[in-house]
Amino acid sequence: MSGNDLAIVERVILSRRTVKSFTGAALDRATIERLLTLALWAPNHRMHQPWRFAVLDQPAVARLAAFLRGEPAIAAWPDPAKAQAKLGKLLDRLPQAGALIQVAWVRDADPAIDLEDHAATAAAVEHILLGAQAQGLASYWSSTAALAHPATMRWCGFDPAREAHLGCLWLGVAAETPPAPPRRPLDQVARFL
């Protein structure tokens, strides 16, 4: 490894954006598998490897949209006053995705281990997001309530009694990329002792 390698990693990290507007171009399975393989290398305590992924290609995304339309409980969860509008917005946006990856982690009864496993799964997600950026793809880490609903989790093959939703990763080709949001200066978030 060299200083040039750090420059490459730095460029990928600094150029990654949350993109919510995709062209609708499909992603091939090989690309998704390559990104998921990066996730497997995330640091995780005791090699629990707690992450679990459900990959939705475009036909599966269409089936998911049909499922969500047919589940009235999802349209009212968690806040009936806002959920219907949010679900409508989600359903409008779903066809734009190149692919979705639902992400969960296996819960542990020990709160300390569960927290470690949650953090490890978040690190796995970051590996996917950075891999997508390096591949020239856009991404969005979503916490949309309809996608976290226990019925949606079961539809994706997860067991909500054992696995917790961490988020849904939207992947695809960007229709537009937003500018970089401002970040706090390092001296506001780091303390050198």
Protein backbone atom coordinates (compact mmCIF):
# COMPACT_ATOMS: atom_id res chain seq x y z
CA MET A 1 0.00 0.00 0.00
CA SER A 2 1.21 3.47 -0.76
CA GLY A 3 0.24 7.10 -0.41
CA ASN A 4 -1.41 6.79 -3.83
CA ASP A 5 -3.75 4.15 -2.38
CA LEU A 6 -4.79 6.57 0.35
CA ALA A 7 -5.46 9.24 -2.28
CA ILE A 8 -7.76 6.82 -4.13
CA VAL A 9 -9.67 5.94 -0.96
CA GLU A 10 -9.88 9.61 -0.02
CA ARG A 11 -11.24 10.51 -3.47
CA VAL A 12 -13.95 7.82 -3.24
CA ILE A 13 -15.00 8.88 0.26
CA LEU A 14 -15.07 12.59 -0.51
CA SER A 15 -17.01 12.13 -3.75
CA ARG A 16 -19.76 9.88 -2.35
CA ARG A 17 -23.18 11.53 -2.10
CA THR A 18 -26.65 10.49 -1.06
CA VAL A 19 -28.45 10.35 -4.40
CA LYS A 20 -32.23 10.07 -4.46
CA SER A 21 -32.78 10.45 -8.19
CA PHE A 22 -31.87 7.49 -10.41
CA THR A 23 -32.26 6.85 -14.14
CA GLY A 24 -33.95 3.46 -13.75
CA ALA A 25 -31.09 1.58 -15.42
CA ALA A 26 -30.87 -1.96 -14.05
CA LEU A 27 -27.82 -3.27 -12.21
CA ASP A 28 -26.48 -6.68 -13.10
CA ARG A 29 -26.13 -9.43 -10.52
CA ALA A 30 -22.33 -9.61 -10.85
CA THR A 31 -21.99 -5.96 -9.84
CA ILE A 32 -24.24 -6.45 -6.81
CA GLU A 33 -22.39 -9.60 -5.77
CA ARG A 34 -19.09 -7.74 -6.00
CA LEU A 35 -20.43 -4.99 -3.72
CA LEU A 36 -21.81 -7.51 -1.23
CA THR A 37 -18.44 -9.28 -1.17
CA LEU A 38 -16.89 -6.00 0.00
CA ALA A 39 -19.42 -5.94 2.83
CA LEU A 40 -18.21 -9.32 4.05
CA TRP A 41 -14.85 -7.73 4.90
CA ALA A 42 -16.28 -5.20 7.36
CA PRO A 43 -14.77 -5.34 10.84
CA ASN A 44 -16.90 -7.35 13.24
CA HIS A 45 -16.24 -8.42 16.80
CA ARG A 46 -15.82 -12.14 17.43
CA MET A 47 -16.39 -12.74 13.70
CA HIS A 48 -20.16 -12.76 14.29
CA GLN A 49 -20.72 -11.58 10.73
CA PRO A 50 -24.19 -10.42 11.82
CA TRP A 51 -25.23 -8.76 8.57
CA ARG A 52 -27.97 -10.16 6.39
CA PHE A 53 -28.94 -8.91 2.92
CA ALA A 54 -32.01 -9.31 0.74
CA VAL A 55 -31.25 -8.21 -2.83
CA LEU A 56 -34.07 -6.92 -5.00
CA ASP A 57 -33.43 -6.63 -8.72
CA GLN A 58 -35.90 -4.61 -10.77
CA PRO A 59 -38.50 -7.39 -11.13
CA ALA A 60 -38.35 -7.95 -7.35
CA VAL A 61 -38.68 -4.18 -6.77
CA ALA A 62 -41.87 -4.25 -8.87
CA ARG A 63 -43.18 -7.18 -6.78
CA LEU A 64 -42.28 -5.27 -3.61
CA ALA A 65 -44.23 -2.23 -4.82
CA ALA A 66 -47.28 -4.43 -5.48
CA PHE A 67 -46.95 -5.94 -2.00
CA LEU A 68 -46.70 -2.50 -0.37
CA ARG A 69 -49.81 -1.30 -2.24
CA GLY A 70 -51.75 -4.29 -0.93
CA GLU A 71 -50.84 -3.92 2.74
CA PRO A 72 -53.06 -1.30 4.46
CA ALA A 73 -51.19 -1.72 7.76
CA ILE A 74 -47.99 -0.46 6.12
CA ALA A 75 -49.74 2.62 4.75
CA ALA A 76 -50.65 3.60 8.33
CA TRP A 77 -47.35 2.81 10.08
CA PRO A 78 -45.89 4.24 12.24
CA ASP A 79 -47.79 7.55 12.02
CA PRO A 80 -51.11 7.31 10.15
CA ALA A 81 -51.12 11.08 9.52
CA LYS A 82 -47.86 10.94 7.54
CA ALA A 83 -47.44 7.33 6.46
CA GLN A 84 -49.81 7.36 3.45
CA ALA A 85 -48.03 10.33 1.84
CA LYS A 86 -44.60 8.82 2.53
CA LEU A 87 -45.69 5.50 1.07
CA GLY A 88 -46.96 7.25 -2.06
CA LYS A 89 -43.63 9.02 -2.47
CA LEU A 90 -41.79 5.72 -2.00
CA LEU A 91 -43.97 3.95 -4.57
CA ASP A 92 -43.34 6.75 -7.08
CA ARG A 93 -39.58 6.49 -6.60
CA LEU A 94 -39.17 2.68 -6.55
CA PRO A 95 -39.16 2.20 -10.36
CA GLN A 96 -36.10 4.48 -10.62
CA ALA A 97 -33.87 2.14 -8.60
CA GLY A 98 -31.35 -0.04 -10.39
CA ALA A 99 -31.56 -2.43 -7.41
CA LEU A 100 -32.31 -2.39 -3.70
CA ILE A 101 -30.55 -4.17 -0.86
CA GLN A 102 -32.51 -4.59 2.35
CA VAL A 103 -30.07 -4.81 5.27
CA ALA A 104 -30.63 -6.35 8.69
CA TRP A 105 -28.50 -7.69 11.49
CA VAL A 106 -29.04 -10.73 13.69
CA ARG A 107 -29.98 -9.51 17.15
CA ASP A 108 -28.12 -10.70 20.23
CA ALA A 109 -29.62 -10.97 23.71
CA ASP A 110 -26.50 -9.36 25.20
CA PRO A 111 -26.91 -5.58 24.70
CA ALA A 112 -23.15 -5.02 24.36
CA ILE A 113 -22.81 -7.67 21.64
CA ASP A 114 -25.97 -6.43 19.91
CA LEU A 115 -24.52 -2.91 19.77
CA GLU A 116 -21.26 -4.25 18.35
CA ASP A 117 -23.17 -6.25 15.74
CA HIS A 118 -25.28 -3.22 14.81
CA ALA A 119 -22.09 -1.20 14.32
CA ALA A 120 -20.47 -3.99 12.30
CA THR A 121 -23.48 -4.11 9.98
CA ALA A 122 -23.29 -0.34 9.53
CA ALA A 123 -19.63 -0.76 8.58
CA ALA A 124 -20.66 -3.41 6.04
CA VAL A 125 -23.14 -0.92 4.58
CA GLU A 126 -20.40 1.68 4.26
CA HIS A 127 -18.27 -0.83 2.35
CA ILE A 128 -21.15 -1.30 -0.10
CA LEU A 129 -21.70 2.45 -0.48
CA LEU A 130 -18.03 3.16 -1.08
CA GLY A 131 -17.74 0.24 -3.47
CA ALA A 132 -20.72 1.57 -5.42
CA GLN A 133 -19.11 5.01 -5.60
CA ALA A 134 -15.81 3.53 -6.80
CA GLN A 135 -17.80 1.62 -9.46
CA GLY A 136 -19.38 4.88 -10.69
CA LEU A 137 -22.78 4.08 -9.19
CA ALA A 138 -25.02 6.25 -7.06
CA SER A 139 -26.42 5.17 -3.71
CA TYR A 140 -28.86 6.11 -0.99
CA TRP A 141 -29.11 4.60 2.51
CA SER A 142 -32.82 4.80 3.35
CA SER A 143 -34.62 4.29 6.65
CA THR A 144 -38.11 4.56 5.13
CA ALA A 145 -40.67 3.17 7.60
CA ALA A 146 -42.56 1.11 4.99
CA LEU A 147 -39.36 -0.77 4.14
CA ALA A 148 -38.63 -1.40 7.84
CA HIS A 149 -42.17 -2.62 8.62
CA PRO A 150 -42.20 -6.19 10.02
CA ALA A 151 -44.47 -7.34 7.17
CA THR A 152 -42.00 -5.97 4.61
CA MET A 153 -39.15 -7.61 6.49
CA ARG A 154 -40.96 -10.96 6.35
CA TRP A 155 -41.70 -10.44 2.64
CA CYS A 156 -37.93 -10.02 2.13
CA GLY A 157 -37.23 -13.25 4.00
CA PHE A 158 -36.15 -11.78 7.33
CA ASP A 159 -37.44 -12.88 10.73
CA PRO A 160 -38.34 -9.68 12.64
CA ALA A 161 -38.21 -11.61 15.92
CA ARG A 162 -34.49 -12.36 15.35
CA GLU A 163 -33.31 -9.74 12.84
CA ALA A 164 -33.56 -5.95 12.94
CA HIS A 165 -33.81 -3.65 9.94
CA LEU A 166 -30.80 -1.37 9.50
CA GLY A 167 -31.88 0.21 6.25
CA CYS A 168 -32.45 -0.18 2.56
CA LEU A 169 -29.69 0.61 0.10
CA TRP A 170 -30.81 2.10 -3.20
CA LEU A 171 -28.29 1.58 -5.99
CA GLY A 172 -28.27 2.74 -9.57
CA VAL A 173 -27.15 5.31 -12.08
CA ALA A 174 -27.61 8.89 -10.86
CA ALA A 175 -30.07 11.07 -12.73
CA GLU A 176 -28.54 13.98 -10.85
CA THR A 177 -25.94 14.25 -8.13
CA PRO A 178 -26.39 16.80 -5.36
CA PRO A 179 -23.55 19.05 -4.26
CA ALA A 180 -21.52 18.15 -1.20
CA PRO A 181 -23.25 19.18 2.02
CA PRO A 182 -21.22 21.24 4.49
CA ARG A 183 -19.34 19.36 7.19
CA ARG A 184 -18.25 20.55 10.59
CA PRO A 185 -14.58 21.44 10.84
CA LEU A 186 -12.36 18.79 12.37
CA ASP A 187 -11.63 20.91 15.47
CA GLN A 188 -15.34 20.77 16.38
CA VAL A 189 -15.53 16.99 16.43
CA ALA A 190 -12.02 15.78 17.32
CA ARG A 191 -9.97 16.24 20.46
CA PHE A 192 -6.25 15.47 20.46
CA LEU A 193 -5.17 14.52 23.98
